Protein backbone atom coordinates (compact mmCIF):
# COMPACT_ATOMS: atom_id res chain seq x y z
CA MET A 1 122.75 -84.96 193.69
CA LEU A 2 126.03 -86.62 192.61
CA GLN A 3 126.20 -90.34 191.94
CA ALA A 4 129.31 -92.49 192.07
CA PRO A 5 130.31 -94.14 188.78
CA PRO A 6 129.67 -97.87 188.52
CA PRO A 7 132.47 -100.20 189.69
CA GLY A 8 134.97 -101.00 186.96
CA ALA A 9 134.14 -97.88 184.94
CA PRO A 10 137.16 -96.35 183.15
CA GLY A 11 139.28 -94.22 185.44
CA THR A 12 137.76 -95.54 188.68
CA GLY A 13 140.46 -98.09 189.47
CA GLY A 14 137.88 -100.83 190.00
CA PRO A 15 138.68 -104.53 190.27
CA GLU A 16 138.98 -104.95 186.50
CA ALA A 17 141.38 -102.02 186.05
CA GLY A 18 144.55 -104.12 186.44
CA ALA A 19 143.24 -106.85 184.17
CA GLN A 20 142.46 -104.35 181.43
CA ARG A 21 146.05 -103.14 181.39
CA GLY A 22 147.37 -106.70 181.12
CA THR A 23 149.62 -106.57 184.18
CA ARG A 24 151.56 -109.68 185.23
CA HIS A 25 152.33 -110.45 188.82
CA LEU A 26 154.89 -112.82 190.19
CA VAL A 27 153.77 -114.61 193.35
CA VAL A 28 156.39 -116.23 195.58
CA ARG A 29 155.54 -118.18 198.72
CA PHE A 30 158.46 -119.15 200.96
CA TYR A 31 157.82 -122.06 203.32
CA GLY A 32 161.29 -122.40 204.87
CA ARG A 33 163.14 -125.57 205.86
CA ARG A 34 161.86 -128.93 204.73
CA HIS A 35 164.06 -131.71 206.09
CA ARG A 36 162.45 -134.37 203.91
CA LEU A 37 163.37 -132.37 200.77
CA HIS A 38 166.87 -131.53 202.11
CA GLY A 39 166.50 -127.80 201.48
CA LEU A 40 164.31 -124.71 201.58
CA LEU A 41 160.91 -124.88 199.91
CA GLY A 42 159.34 -122.14 197.83
CA VAL A 43 156.35 -122.06 195.48
CA MET A 44 156.19 -119.64 192.55
CA TYR A 45 153.60 -118.75 189.93
CA THR A 46 152.32 -115.82 187.89
CA THR A 47 148.81 -114.44 188.01
CA ARG A 48 148.79 -113.80 184.27
CA GLY A 49 151.09 -114.73 181.38
CA SER A 50 154.46 -116.39 181.72
CA LEU A 51 158.05 -115.53 182.60
CA THR A 52 161.16 -117.27 181.31
CA ASP A 53 164.69 -117.80 182.58
CA LEU A 54 164.33 -116.75 186.23
CA THR A 55 167.18 -117.02 188.72
CA ILE A 56 166.38 -117.34 192.43
CA GLN A 57 168.99 -116.58 195.10
CA LEU A 58 168.93 -116.79 198.86
CA ARG A 59 171.37 -114.26 200.30
CA ARG A 60 172.70 -113.30 203.68
CA GLY A 61 174.30 -109.90 203.29
CA HIS A 62 176.17 -110.06 199.97
CA GLN A 63 176.90 -113.79 200.18
CA VAL A 64 174.80 -116.13 198.02
CA ILE A 65 173.77 -119.06 200.22
CA ALA A 66 171.54 -120.97 197.76
CA ARG A 67 170.63 -120.63 194.10
CA GLY A 68 167.90 -121.99 191.84
CA HIS A 69 166.71 -121.61 188.25
CA VAL A 70 163.28 -121.76 186.60
CA ALA A 71 163.21 -122.01 182.79
CA LEU A 72 159.48 -121.29 182.31
CA LEU A 73 157.06 -120.00 184.94
CA THR A 74 153.32 -119.88 184.22
CA SER A 75 150.14 -119.66 186.28
CA ALA A 76 150.63 -123.29 187.35
CA ARG A 77 152.29 -123.66 190.75
CA HIS A 78 156.01 -124.41 190.51
CA ARG A 79 157.70 -125.96 193.52
CA LEU A 80 161.33 -124.99 194.01
CA VAL A 81 163.75 -126.49 196.53
CA LEU A 82 166.81 -124.36 197.25
CA ASP A 83 169.77 -126.47 198.36
CA HIS A 84 172.30 -124.52 200.42
CA ASP A 85 176.08 -124.88 200.33
CA LEU A 86 176.85 -124.41 204.03
CA GLY A 87 177.20 -128.03 204.99
CA ARG A 88 174.65 -129.76 207.19
CA HIS A 89 172.85 -126.90 208.92
CA LEU A 90 171.69 -123.51 207.68
CA PRO A 91 171.81 -120.99 210.55
CA ALA A 92 168.51 -119.50 211.63
CA GLY A 93 167.98 -115.84 210.86
CA ARG A 94 166.83 -113.33 208.27
CA TYR A 95 167.78 -113.81 204.64
CA THR A 96 166.97 -112.04 201.38
CA LEU A 97 165.17 -113.93 198.61
CA LEU A 98 166.06 -112.41 195.25
CA VAL A 99 164.34 -113.27 191.95
CA SER A 100 165.97 -111.89 188.81
CA HIS A 101 165.45 -112.06 185.06
CA ALA A 102 168.22 -111.16 182.59
CA GLY A 103 170.25 -109.47 185.32
CA HIS A 104 167.37 -107.28 186.55
CA THR A 105 165.77 -107.79 189.96
CA VAL A 106 162.10 -108.74 189.62
CA LEU A 107 161.42 -109.39 193.30
CA ARG A 108 163.33 -108.86 196.54
CA ARG A 109 161.90 -110.07 199.84
CA ARG A 110 163.18 -110.58 203.37
CA VAL A 111 162.47 -114.09 204.63
CA LYS A 112 162.99 -115.75 207.98
CA VAL A 113 164.56 -119.18 208.35
CA GLY A 114 163.90 -120.71 211.75
């Protein structure tokens, strides 16, 4: 009779497997328009470690609509307000949220602004 290895054993891909390798994950939550803040609200943090010098862009096609910068990002929640350059009203629709570090794209996500 064969028995399954215990959870988290080497090579099983258990819940501790990612933590053993020391992987870092960037978490970005996009909340959309916030009139009181006069922009678009996002919250960012890492699950492990820290990242430095991140650039955040909101794009529609190839046009950069809004831009932000984070000098140091850790596991503490960082609130970011993206202020757009289109005058009073940002048109509703689908945009691309792009997070980059040293010219390399770390995260690309489609977001909806309503």
